[in-house]
Amino acid sequence: MKRIRLTGFSLFPWLMMAVIMLGMFSAASCESDKPPIAPAVHKRDSIPVMTSYGVSKLISDSGVIRYKIIAEEWKVYDRTNPPRQSFEKGLLLEKFNQTFHIQMYITADTAYWYNQSLWELRGRVCVWNEDGMIFRSQLLYWDMNKHEFYSNKYSHLITPDREIKGHSFHSNEQMTQYEVNITQASFPLQDVQAPAATPTDTVT
């Protein structure tokens, strides 16, 4: 009976093959355990760089606090052109004078702030100022650089002495000087004594 002698030299290839196969099985099992990974997002135009909830923020102008923003949700987009901030769940904005007295309230269902200069206010927009003026519309723009409000939608303006409804609106930032494309207006009239009736001529 012949004996087969296995030398270390002849075992080496088999050992190497076993190690390689074991490594392949281990790698395959590890890869299957990894969660799926989505491809990298290179364009962030539609993704906000910041989202805040329950916001109450003071904003200064030339080093003086002039505005207060209250919102349920605030999103900041830095890659859009122009950069914008959105308040899609409603906005309350207060404007202060130099003595921190509230000059104006602005509310809207949705608001967009472009490049920190132009406001686009949409849905049940309401503006109130300290003179007792109330403005309502579904759309209002506020240009903070030009210090003016304007709208091309139906607008309803109520002042202490008149009520105006129109389909275009333009005013200064204080809403003390304004232009309205009037379709309906009502003004209070002072009591005027009617002239005495005169007999009419008759023809026989």
Protein backbone atom coordinates (compact mmCIF):
# COMPACT_ATOMS: atom_id res chain seq x y z
CA MET A 1 0.00 0.00 0.00
CA LYS A 2 1.38 3.34 -1.06
CA ARG A 3 1.32 6.32 1.21
CA ILE A 4 0.53 9.77 -0.18
CA ARG A 5 2.59 12.46 1.45
CA LEU A 6 1.24 16.02 1.38
CA THR A 7 3.98 18.57 1.77
CA GLY A 8 3.56 22.15 2.94
CA PHE A 9 4.30 23.30 -0.58
CA SER A 10 1.33 21.40 -2.01
CA LEU A 11 -1.08 22.68 0.70
CA PHE A 12 -0.30 26.36 0.17
CA PRO A 13 -2.46 26.93 -3.00
CA TRP A 14 -5.43 25.28 -1.35
CA LEU A 15 -5.10 27.39 1.76
CA MET A 16 -4.85 30.59 -0.30
CA MET A 17 -7.96 29.68 -2.30
CA ALA A 18 -9.93 29.00 0.90
CA VAL A 19 -8.92 32.38 2.35
CA ILE A 20 -9.94 34.20 -0.84
CA MET A 21 -13.32 32.45 -0.99
CA LEU A 22 -13.97 33.23 2.67
CA GLY A 23 -13.16 36.88 2.06
CA MET A 24 -15.51 37.04 -0.92
CA PHE A 25 -18.39 35.56 1.08
CA SER A 26 -17.75 37.94 3.96
CA ALA A 27 -17.68 40.97 1.65
CA ALA A 28 -20.89 39.90 -0.05
CA SER A 29 -22.66 39.47 3.27
CA CYS A 30 -21.47 42.90 4.51
CA GLU A 31 -22.59 44.62 1.32
CA SER A 32 -26.05 43.09 1.57
CA ASP A 33 -26.40 44.47 5.12
CA LYS A 34 -25.70 48.08 4.04
CA PRO A 35 -28.74 50.37 3.63
CA PRO A 36 -29.42 51.68 0.09
CA ILE A 37 -27.71 54.98 -0.62
CA ALA A 38 -29.32 57.59 -2.90
CA PRO A 39 -27.19 59.43 -5.43
CA ALA A 40 -25.66 62.70 -4.30
CA VAL A 41 -27.70 65.87 -4.79
CA HIS A 42 -25.66 68.46 -6.65
CA LYS A 43 -28.34 71.12 -7.32
CA ARG A 44 -29.95 72.56 -4.17
CA ASP A 45 -32.28 75.06 -5.85
CA SER A 46 -35.35 73.30 -4.49
CA ILE A 47 -33.88 72.39 -1.10
CA PRO A 48 -33.84 74.94 1.76
CA VAL A 49 -30.52 75.48 3.49
CA MET A 50 -32.41 76.13 6.74
CA THR A 51 -35.89 75.36 8.07
CA SER A 52 -37.10 76.81 11.37
CA TYR A 53 -40.36 76.21 13.25
CA GLY A 54 -42.17 78.45 15.71
CA VAL A 55 -40.26 81.58 14.67
CA SER A 56 -40.31 84.92 16.48
CA LYS A 57 -37.49 87.09 15.17
CA LEU A 58 -36.54 90.77 15.38
CA ILE A 59 -34.99 92.39 12.28
CA SER A 60 -32.90 95.56 12.34
CA ASP A 61 -32.47 98.24 9.70
CA SER A 62 -29.29 100.35 9.87
CA GLY A 63 -28.64 99.00 13.35
CA VAL A 64 -32.13 99.84 14.67
CA ILE A 65 -34.78 97.18 15.31
CA ARG A 66 -37.64 97.96 12.92
CA TYR A 67 -39.49 94.70 12.27
CA LYS A 68 -40.70 91.57 14.03
CA ILE A 69 -41.57 88.36 12.19
CA ILE A 70 -43.79 85.66 13.70
CA ALA A 71 -44.30 82.49 11.65
CA GLU A 72 -45.06 78.81 12.13
CA GLU A 73 -42.47 77.79 9.53
CA TRP A 74 -39.56 79.66 7.92
CA LYS A 75 -37.49 78.26 5.04
CA VAL A 76 -34.34 79.86 3.63
CA TYR A 77 -33.17 79.14 0.06
CA ASP A 78 -29.67 80.40 -0.77
CA ARG A 79 -29.25 78.91 -4.27
CA THR A 80 -32.30 80.39 -5.96
CA ASN A 81 -32.08 83.47 -8.16
CA PRO A 82 -32.78 85.71 -6.38
CA PRO A 83 -32.32 84.11 -2.93
CA ARG A 84 -35.63 83.83 -1.13
CA GLN A 85 -37.16 83.10 2.24
CA SER A 86 -40.58 81.50 2.36
CA PHE A 87 -43.33 81.51 4.97
CA GLU A 88 -45.80 79.03 3.51
CA LYS A 89 -47.82 78.48 6.71
CA GLY A 90 -48.67 82.10 7.41
CA LEU A 91 -46.93 85.28 8.53
CA LEU A 92 -47.44 88.09 11.02
CA LEU A 93 -45.11 91.06 10.52
CA GLU A 94 -44.94 94.09 12.79
CA LYS A 95 -43.24 97.35 11.85
CA PHE A 96 -41.90 99.68 14.56
CA ASN A 97 -41.03 103.37 14.54
CA GLN A 98 -37.91 104.79 16.17
CA THR A 99 -39.53 104.67 19.62
CA PHE A 100 -40.52 100.99 19.10
CA HIS A 101 -44.21 101.85 18.76
CA ILE A 102 -46.02 99.57 16.32
CA GLN A 103 -46.76 101.50 13.15
CA MET A 104 -48.16 98.66 11.05
CA TYR A 105 -49.37 95.06 11.15
CA ILE A 106 -49.22 92.77 8.10
CA THR A 107 -50.71 89.28 7.93
CA ALA A 108 -50.87 86.81 5.04
CA ASP A 109 -51.51 83.10 4.46
CA THR A 110 -48.26 82.79 2.46
CA ALA A 111 -45.29 85.10 2.06
CA TYR A 112 -42.03 85.14 0.08
CA TRP A 113 -39.14 87.49 0.80
CA TYR A 114 -36.82 87.90 -2.19
CA ASN A 115 -33.23 89.02 -1.61
CA GLN A 116 -34.35 90.58 1.70
CA SER A 117 -35.89 93.49 -0.21
CA LEU A 118 -39.13 92.47 -1.97
CA TRP A 119 -42.08 90.89 -0.19
CA GLU A 120 -44.73 88.90 -2.04
CA LEU A 121 -47.76 88.46 0.22
CA ARG A 122 -50.50 86.04 -0.86
CA GLY A 123 -53.84 84.84 0.46
CA ARG A 124 -56.03 86.90 2.82
CA VAL A 125 -53.52 89.74 3.02
CA CYS A 126 -54.40 92.34 5.64
CA VAL A 127 -52.53 95.54 6.49
CA TRP A 128 -53.36 97.83 9.41
CA ASN A 129 -51.58 101.08 10.24
CA GLU A 130 -51.67 103.40 13.23
CA ASP A 131 -53.96 105.87 11.43
CA GLY A 132 -56.79 103.34 11.45
CA MET A 133 -56.44 102.32 7.81
CA ILE A 134 -57.22 98.70 6.88
CA PHE A 135 -56.21 97.16 3.56
CA ARG A 136 -57.30 93.73 2.30
CA SER A 137 -56.42 91.80 -0.85
CA GLN A 138 -55.34 88.39 -2.11
CA LEU A 139 -51.99 89.72 -3.36
CA LEU A 140 -49.72 92.54 -2.25
CA TYR A 141 -46.09 93.41 -3.05
CA TRP A 142 -43.90 95.44 -0.71
CA ASP A 143 -40.69 96.86 -2.16
CA MET A 144 -38.54 97.81 0.82
CA ASN A 145 -35.92 99.51 -1.37
CA LYS A 146 -38.45 101.79 -3.08
CA HIS A 147 -40.59 102.07 0.10
CA GLU A 148 -43.86 101.29 -1.65
CA PHE A 149 -46.77 98.83 -1.77
CA TYR A 150 -48.57 97.76 -4.94
CA SER A 151 -51.06 95.18 -6.19
CA ASN A 152 -52.83 94.33 -9.44
CA LYS A 153 -55.55 92.31 -7.72
CA TYR A 154 -58.88 93.30 -6.26
CA SER A 155 -58.21 95.47 -3.20
CA HIS A 156 -60.42 96.79 -0.40
CA LEU A 157 -59.28 99.89 1.45
CA ILE A 158 -61.03 101.24 4.55
CA THR A 159 -60.05 104.54 6.18
CA PRO A 160 -61.78 106.45 8.99
CA ASP A 161 -63.65 108.59 6.45
CA ARG A 162 -64.02 106.48 3.31
CA GLU A 163 -64.19 103.01 1.79
CA ILE A 164 -62.68 102.19 -1.60
CA LYS A 165 -62.70 99.02 -3.70
CA GLY A 166 -60.63 98.66 -6.85
CA HIS A 167 -58.59 96.40 -9.09
CA SER A 168 -55.19 98.02 -8.71
CA PHE A 169 -53.44 99.65 -5.79
CA HIS A 170 -50.26 101.66 -5.26
CA SER A 171 -49.13 103.54 -2.16
CA ASN A 172 -46.18 104.76 -0.17
CA GLU A 173 -44.76 102.62 2.64
CA GLN A 174 -46.88 104.35 5.29
CA MET A 175 -50.04 103.91 3.19
CA THR A 176 -50.87 107.57 3.68
CA GLN A 177 -50.68 108.40 -0.05
CA TYR A 178 -52.27 105.91 -2.39
CA GLU A 179 -53.81 105.43 -5.82
CA VAL A 180 -56.67 103.01 -6.51
CA ASN A 181 -58.29 102.08 -9.79
CA ILE A 182 -61.75 102.68 -8.41
CA THR A 183 -64.67 100.44 -9.26
CA GLN A 184 -66.68 101.27 -6.15
CA ALA A 185 -66.35 103.87 -3.43
CA SER A 186 -68.41 105.34 -0.61
CA PHE A 187 -67.85 108.64 1.17
CA PRO A 188 -69.73 110.16 4.12
CA LEU A 189 -71.72 113.25 3.18
CA GLN A 190 -72.25 116.21 5.46
CA ASP A 191 -75.81 117.10 6.33
CA VAL A 192 -77.01 119.69 3.83
CA GLN A 193 -80.33 121.45 4.26
CA ALA A 194 -82.53 120.84 1.26
CA PRO A 195 -83.79 123.96 -0.55
CA ALA A 196 -87.40 124.96 -0.05
CA ALA A 197 -89.76 123.59 -2.62
CA THR A 198 -91.01 126.07 -5.22
CA PRO A 199 -94.39 125.86 -6.88
CA THR A 200 -94.27 124.50 -10.40
CA ASP A 201 -95.71 126.47 -13.28
CA THR A 202 -98.83 125.09 -14.77
CA VAL A 203 -100.01 125.49 -18.33
CA THR A 204 -103.68 125.73 -19.06
